[in-house]
Amino acid sequence: MDWGDSIAWTAFGLIGQTAFFSRFLLQWIVSERSKMSVVPKAFWYLSLIGSAALLTYAIHREEPIFALGQSVGSIVYVRNLVLIHRQREADASSGPG
């Protein structure tokens, strides 16, 4: 592996970790503004993006435990987005009052 490749992969991993961390920051800010615990839809998208990037990085680094943890989490993030989408469709089809 050459030096440039290593720097690129490290940068990619850091971007993934930044996306993954930013979901907590987002959730905290939204909750503080709402004065209650809120998990915005963007939390799940950031979780999925960060997890996918970290999974890719873990596979590249050949770290199976890290890869397993990220792949299992992705299932939860996708499922939550599906549930949110279904609820919004149900709400839209029921119409106002």
Protein backbone atom coordinates (compact mmCIF):
# COMPACT_ATOMS: atom_id res chain seq x y z
CA MET A 1 0.00 0.00 0.00
CA ASP A 2 1.43 3.37 -0.94
CA TRP A 3 1.36 6.48 1.23
CA GLY A 4 -1.30 8.27 -0.86
CA ASP A 5 -3.64 5.28 -0.66
CA SER A 6 -3.23 5.15 3.12
CA ILE A 7 -4.01 8.85 3.50
CA ALA A 8 -7.08 8.51 1.26
CA TRP A 9 -8.43 5.58 3.28
CA THR A 10 -7.73 7.35 6.55
CA ALA A 11 -9.57 10.43 5.28
CA PHE A 12 -12.47 8.24 4.16
CA GLY A 13 -12.64 6.62 7.60
CA LEU A 14 -12.55 10.00 9.30
CA ILE A 15 -15.38 11.27 7.08
CA GLY A 16 -17.43 8.22 8.04
CA GLN A 17 -16.69 8.74 11.72
CA THR A 18 -17.59 12.43 11.42
CA ALA A 19 -20.96 11.56 9.84
CA PHE A 20 -21.57 8.95 12.52
CA PHE A 21 -20.70 11.41 15.33
CA SER A 22 -22.72 14.26 13.79
CA ARG A 23 -25.93 12.28 14.26
CA PHE A 24 -25.52 12.60 18.04
CA LEU A 25 -24.79 16.30 17.75
CA LEU A 26 -27.87 16.78 15.56
CA GLN A 27 -30.09 14.81 17.94
CA TRP A 28 -28.82 16.82 20.90
CA ILE A 29 -29.44 20.18 19.19
CA VAL A 30 -32.93 19.22 18.00
CA SER A 31 -33.84 17.87 21.45
CA GLU A 32 -32.56 20.99 23.20
CA ARG A 33 -34.58 23.22 20.89
CA SER A 34 -37.69 21.08 21.42
CA LYS A 35 -37.12 20.83 25.18
CA MET A 36 -37.74 17.08 24.86
CA SER A 37 -35.99 14.03 23.45
CA VAL A 38 -36.40 13.99 19.68
CA VAL A 39 -34.82 11.69 17.10
CA PRO A 40 -35.05 13.46 13.72
CA LYS A 41 -35.16 11.48 10.47
CA ALA A 42 -31.77 12.93 9.54
CA PHE A 43 -30.33 11.03 12.54
CA TRP A 44 -31.10 7.74 10.78
CA TYR A 45 -29.68 8.93 7.45
CA LEU A 46 -26.46 10.11 9.12
CA SER A 47 -26.33 6.78 10.97
CA LEU A 48 -26.65 4.88 7.70
CA ILE A 49 -24.13 7.02 5.82
CA GLY A 50 -21.60 6.92 8.64
CA SER A 51 -22.10 3.21 9.19
CA ALA A 52 -21.72 2.40 5.48
CA ALA A 53 -18.50 4.42 5.27
CA LEU A 54 -17.12 2.82 8.44
CA LEU A 55 -18.13 -0.64 7.21
CA THR A 56 -16.28 -0.02 3.94
CA TYR A 57 -13.25 1.20 5.87
CA ALA A 58 -13.34 -1.82 8.23
CA ILE A 59 -13.53 -4.23 5.29
CA HIS A 60 -10.59 -2.49 3.62
CA ARG A 61 -8.59 -2.71 6.86
CA GLU A 62 -9.64 -6.36 7.22
CA GLU A 63 -11.08 -5.82 10.70
CA PRO A 64 -13.96 -8.33 11.00
CA ILE A 65 -15.19 -7.30 14.46
CA PHE A 66 -15.44 -3.64 13.45
CA ALA A 67 -17.12 -4.67 10.15
CA LEU A 68 -19.63 -6.92 11.93
CA GLY A 69 -20.63 -4.15 14.33
CA GLN A 70 -21.21 -1.68 11.52
CA SER A 71 -23.13 -4.14 9.33
CA VAL A 72 -25.55 -5.11 12.11
CA GLY A 73 -26.19 -1.46 12.96
CA SER A 74 -27.04 -0.72 9.33
CA ILE A 75 -29.98 -3.11 9.51
CA VAL A 76 -31.45 -1.12 12.39
CA TYR A 77 -30.96 2.22 10.59
CA VAL A 78 -32.61 1.00 7.39
CA ARG A 79 -35.50 -0.53 9.35
CA ASN A 80 -36.14 2.74 11.19
CA LEU A 81 -36.19 4.66 7.91
CA VAL A 82 -38.67 2.13 6.47
CA LEU A 83 -40.90 2.51 9.54
CA ILE A 84 -40.77 6.32 9.30
CA HIS A 85 -41.62 6.18 5.58
CA ARG A 86 -44.56 3.82 6.19
CA GLN A 87 -45.91 5.99 8.99
CA ARG A 88 -45.76 9.08 6.83
CA GLU A 89 -47.59 7.27 4.03
CA ALA A 90 -50.24 6.10 6.49
CA ASP A 91 -50.62 9.61 7.88
CA ALA A 92 -50.91 11.07 4.36
CA SER A 93 -53.52 8.54 3.25
CA SER A 94 -55.67 9.10 6.34
CA GLY A 95 -55.82 12.79 5.54
CA PRO A 96 -56.73 15.60 7.90
CA GLY A 97 -59.14 14.89 10.76
